[in-house]
PDB file of N, CA and C in Angstrom:
ATOM      1  N   UNK A   1      96.803 155.059  37.219  1.00  0.00           N
ATOM      2  CA  UNK A   1      96.623 153.628  37.348  1.00  0.00           C
ATOM      3  C   UNK A   1      96.060 153.309  38.710  1.00  0.00           C
ATOM      4  N   UNK A   2      95.356 152.213  38.780  1.00  0.00           N
ATOM      5  CA  UNK A   2      94.782 151.812  40.049  1.00  0.00           C
ATOM      6  C   UNK A   2      94.538 150.323  40.088  1.00  0.00           C
ATOM      7  N   UNK A   3      94.040 149.882  41.181  1.00  0.00           N
ATOM      8  CA  UNK A   3      93.733 148.470  41.367  1.00  0.00           C
ATOM      9  C   UNK A   3      92.223 148.340  41.496  1.00  0.00           C
ATOM     10  N   UNK A   4      91.652 147.446  40.730  1.00  0.00           N
ATOM     11  CA  UNK A   4      90.221 147.198  40.811  1.00  0.00           C
ATOM     12  C   UNK A   4      89.988 146.119  41.862  1.00  0.00           C
ATOM     13  N   UNK A   5      89.179 146.429  42.846  1.00  0.00           N
ATOM     14  CA  UNK A   5      88.844 145.475  43.894  1.00  0.00           C
ATOM     15  C   UNK A   5      87.374 145.115  43.741  1.00  0.00           C
ATOM     16  N   UNK A   6      87.107 143.844  43.533  1.00  0.00           N
ATOM     17  CA  UNK A   6      85.736 143.385  43.372  1.00  0.00           C
ATOM     18  C   UNK A   6      85.494 142.309  44.425  1.00  0.00           C
ATOM     19  N   UNK A   7      84.573 142.578  45.328  1.00  0.00           N
ATOM     20  CA  UNK A   7      84.231 141.579  46.328  1.00  0.00           C
ATOM     21  C   UNK A   7      82.718 141.512  46.460  1.00  0.00           C
ATOM     22  N   UNK A   8      82.251 140.473  47.081  1.00  0.00           N
ATOM     23  CA  UNK A   8      80.820 140.261  47.311  1.00  0.00           C
ATOM     24  C   UNK A   8      80.032 140.208  46.004  1.00  0.00           C
ATOM     25  N   UNK A   9      80.585 139.528  45.000  1.00  0.00           N
ATOM     26  CA  UNK A   9      79.860 139.381  43.734  1.00  0.00           C
ATOM     27  C   UNK A   9      78.741 138.357  43.908  1.00  0.00           C
ATOM     28  N   UNK A  10      77.593 138.633  43.333  1.00  0.00           N
ATOM     29  CA  UNK A  10      76.473 137.700  43.331  1.00  0.00           C
ATOM     30  C   UNK A  10      76.555 136.904  42.032  1.00  0.00           C
ATOM     31  N   UNK A  11      76.987 135.659  42.126  1.00  0.00           N
ATOM     32  CA  UNK A  11      77.211 134.851  40.929  1.00  0.00           C
ATOM     33  C   UNK A  11      76.100 133.838  40.672  1.00  0.00           C
ATOM     34  N   UNK A  12      74.959 133.984  41.343  1.00  0.00           N
ATOM     35  CA  UNK A  12      73.851 133.047  41.133  1.00  0.00           C
ATOM     36  C   UNK A  12      73.365 133.056  39.687  1.00  0.00           C
ATOM     37  N   UNK A  13      73.173 134.230  39.105  1.00  0.00           N
ATOM     38  CA  UNK A  13      72.698 134.321  37.721  1.00  0.00           C
ATOM     39  C   UNK A  13      73.728 133.741  36.756  1.00  0.00           C
ATOM     40  N   UNK A  14      75.006 133.947  37.055  1.00  0.00           N
ATOM     41  CA  UNK A  14      76.062 133.392  36.205  1.00  0.00           C
ATOM     42  C   UNK A  14      76.039 131.869  36.282  1.00  0.00           C
ATOM     43  N   UNK A  15      75.854 131.313  37.473  1.00  0.00           N
ATOM     44  CA  UNK A  15      75.798 129.858  37.636  1.00  0.00           C
ATOM     45  C   UNK A  15      74.601 129.268  36.895  1.00  0.00           C
ATOM     46  N   UNK A  16      73.464 129.943  36.947  1.00  0.00           N
ATOM     47  CA  UNK A  16      72.277 129.467  36.230  1.00  0.00           C
ATOM     48  C   UNK A  16      72.501 129.483  34.724  1.00  0.00           C
ATOM     49  N   UNK A  17      73.085 130.553  34.212  1.00  0.00           N
ATOM     50  CA  UNK A  17      73.377 130.647  32.779  1.00  0.00           C
ATOM     51  C   UNK A  17      74.392 129.598  32.370  1.00  0.00           C
ATOM     52  N   UNK A  18      75.414 129.385  33.186  1.00  0.00           N
ATOM     53  CA  UNK A  18      76.430 128.374  32.886  1.00  0.00           C
ATOM     54  C   UNK A  18      75.797 126.990  32.806  1.00  0.00           C
ATOM     55  N   UNK A  19      74.880 126.691  33.714  1.00  0.00           N
ATOM     56  CA  UNK A  19      74.210 125.391  33.699  1.00  0.00           C
ATOM     57  C   UNK A  19      73.355 125.225  32.446  1.00  0.00           C
ATOM     58  N   UNK A  20      72.648 126.291  32.052  1.00  0.00           N
ATOM     59  CA  UNK A  20      71.821 126.223  30.842  1.00  0.00           C
ATOM     60  C   UNK A  20      72.667 126.010  29.597  1.00  0.00           C
ATOM     61  N   UNK A  21      73.831 126.674  29.540  1.00  0.00           N
ATOM     62  CA  UNK A  21      74.709 126.575  28.372  1.00  0.00           C
ATOM     63  C   UNK A  21      75.654 125.385  28.446  1.00  0.00           C
ATOM     64  N   UNK A  22      75.706 124.737  29.622  1.00  0.00           N
ATOM     65  CA  UNK A  22      76.656 123.653  29.872  1.00  0.00           C
ATOM     66  C   UNK A  22      78.089 124.104  29.588  1.00  0.00           C
ATOM     67  N   UNK A  23      78.377 125.330  29.979  1.00  0.00           N
ATOM     68  CA  UNK A  23      79.720 125.914  29.833  1.00  0.00           C
ATOM     69  C   UNK A  23      80.120 126.464  31.187  1.00  0.00           C
ATOM     70  N   UNK A  24      81.310 126.108  31.634  1.00  0.00           N
ATOM     71  CA  UNK A  24      81.718 126.477  32.985  1.00  0.00           C
ATOM     72  C   UNK A  24      82.906 127.416  33.011  1.00  0.00           C
ATOM     73  N   UNK A  25      83.353 127.862  31.862  1.00  0.00           N
ATOM     74  CA  UNK A  25      84.436 128.835  31.801  1.00  0.00           C
ATOM     75  C   UNK A  25      83.882 130.132  31.223  1.00  0.00           C
ATOM     76  N   UNK A  26      84.234 131.238  31.850  1.00  0.00           N
ATOM     77  CA  UNK A  26      83.777 132.528  31.373  1.00  0.00           C
ATOM     78  C   UNK A  26      84.760 133.598  31.814  1.00  0.00           C
ATOM     79  N   UNK A  27      84.642 134.755  31.206  1.00  0.00           N
ATOM     80  CA  UNK A  27      85.489 135.886  31.552  1.00  0.00           C
ATOM     81  C   UNK A  27      84.597 136.977  32.143  1.00  0.00           C
ATOM     82  N   UNK A  28      85.040 137.562  33.229  1.00  0.00           N
ATOM     83  CA  UNK A  28      84.310 138.669  33.846  1.00  0.00           C
ATOM     84  C   UNK A  28      85.025 139.961  33.490  1.00  0.00           C
ATOM     85  N   UNK A  29      84.272 140.888  32.911  1.00  0.00           N
ATOM     86  CA  UNK A  29      84.839 142.167  32.488  1.00  0.00           C
ATOM     87  C   UNK A  29      84.100 143.283  33.219  1.00  0.00           C
ATOM     88  N   UNK A  30      84.851 144.237  33.692  1.00  0.00           N
ATOM     89  CA  UNK A  30      84.246 145.399  34.338  1.00  0.00           C
ATOM     90  C   UNK A  30      85.056 146.637  34.023  1.00  0.00           C
ATOM     91  N   UNK A  31      84.401 147.636  33.502  1.00  0.00           N
ATOM     92  CA  UNK A  31      85.105 148.874  33.162  1.00  0.00           C
ATOM     93  C   UNK A  31      84.384 150.043  33.817  1.00  0.00           C
ATOM     94  N   UNK A  32      85.094 150.836  34.592  1.00  0.00           N
ATOM     95  CA  UNK A  32      84.459 152.002  35.202  1.00  0.00           C
ATOM     96  C   UNK A  32      84.247 153.101  34.169  1.00  0.00           C
ATOM     97  N   UNK A  33      83.270 153.958  34.391  1.00  0.00           N
ATOM     98  CA  UNK A  33      83.093 155.087  33.470  1.00  0.00           C
ATOM     99  C   UNK A  33      84.255 156.066  33.604  1.00  0.00           C
ATOM    100  N   UNK A  34      84.497 156.819  32.540  1.00  0.00           N
ATOM    101  CA  UNK A  34      85.573 157.818  32.584  1.00  0.00           C
ATOM    102  C   UNK A  34      85.109 159.012  33.403  1.00  0.00           C
ATOM    103  N   UNK A  35      85.801 159.254  34.493  1.00  0.00           N
ATOM    104  CA  UNK A  35      85.495 160.383  35.363  1.00  0.00           C
ATOM    105  C   UNK A  35      86.796 161.131  35.594  1.00  0.00           C
ATOM    106  N   UNK A  36      86.833 162.368  35.130  1.00  0.00           N
ATOM    107  CA  UNK A  36      88.053 163.151  35.280  1.00  0.00           C
ATOM    108  C   UNK A  36      88.346 163.403  36.754  1.00  0.00           C
ATOM    109  N   UNK A  37      89.552 163.106  37.171  1.00  0.00           N
ATOM    110  CA  UNK A  37      90.043 163.269  38.541  1.00  0.00           C
ATOM    111  C   UNK A  37      89.244 162.465  39.563  1.00  0.00           C
ATOM    112  N   UNK A  38      88.611 161.387  39.118  1.00  0.00           N
ATOM    113  CA  UNK A  38      87.854 160.545  40.043  1.00  0.00           C
ATOM    114  C   UNK A  38      88.775 159.635  40.842  1.00  0.00           C
ATOM    115  N   UNK A  39      88.395 159.344  42.058  1.00  0.00           N
ATOM    116  CA  UNK A  39      89.201 158.463  42.899  1.00  0.00           C
ATOM    117  C   UNK A  39      88.550 157.109  43.096  1.00  0.00           C
ATOM    118  N   UNK A  40      87.332 156.966  42.662  1.00  0.00           N
ATOM    119  CA  UNK A  40      86.637 155.695  42.790  1.00  0.00           C
ATOM    120  C   UNK A  40      85.332 155.744  42.028  1.00  0.00           C
ATOM    121  N   UNK A  41      84.846 154.590  41.645  1.00  0.00           N
ATOM    122  CA  UNK A  41      83.623 154.555  40.865  1.00  0.00           C
ATOM    123  C   UNK A  41      83.016 153.166  40.939  1.00  0.00           C
ATOM    124  N   UNK A  42      81.720 153.091  40.748  1.00  0.00           N
ATOM    125  CA  UNK A  42      81.056 151.805  40.621  1.00  0.00           C
ATOM    126  C   UNK A  42      81.338 151.242  39.237  1.00  0.00           C
ATOM    127  N   UNK A  43      81.360 149.929  39.125  1.00  0.00           N
ATOM    128  CA  UNK A  43      81.545 149.314  37.815  1.00  0.00           C
ATOM    129  C   UNK A  43      80.416 148.325  37.575  1.00  0.00           C
ATOM    130  N   UNK A  44      80.126 148.088  36.324  1.00  0.00           N
ATOM    131  CA  UNK A  44      79.128 147.106  35.927  1.00  0.00           C
ATOM    132  C   UNK A  44      79.876 145.899  35.397  1.00  0.00           C
ATOM    133  N   UNK A  45      79.792 144.775  36.102  1.00  0.00           N
ATOM    134  CA  UNK A  45      80.488 143.568  35.676  1.00  0.00           C
ATOM    135  C   UNK A  45      79.644 142.809  34.665  1.00  0.00           C
ATOM    136  N   UNK A  46      80.300 142.243  33.661  1.00  0.00           N
ATOM    137  CA  UNK A  46      79.644 141.461  32.622  1.00  0.00           C
ATOM    138  C   UNK A  46      80.379 140.139  32.496  1.00  0.00           C
ATOM    139  N   UNK A  47      79.643 139.032  32.514  1.00  0.00           N
ATOM    140  CA  UNK A  47      80.236 137.710  32.319  1.00  0.00           C
ATOM    141  C   UNK A  47      80.083 137.338  30.850  1.00  0.00           C
ATOM    142  N   UNK A  48      81.195 137.006  30.207  1.00  0.00           N
ATOM    143  CA  UNK A  48      81.192 136.640  28.789  1.00  0.00           C
ATOM    144  C   UNK A  48      81.517 135.156  28.681  1.00  0.00           C
ATOM    145  N   UNK A  49      80.598 134.400  28.090  1.00  0.00           N
ATOM    146  CA  UNK A  49      80.800 132.961  27.912  1.00  0.00           C
ATOM    147  C   UNK A  49      81.393 132.675  26.569  1.00  0.00           C
TER     148      UNK A  49
END
């Protein structure tokens, strides 16, 4: 188990999409790839409206 730390997110594209959809609530999901005995990894964040 670990703690996911996400900082310095660039949310400009999310704000533009939210304005186009006129929806201001969304969920951000990020899952790291499975790496055996890994101690850290990059994740790809996805905003779901």
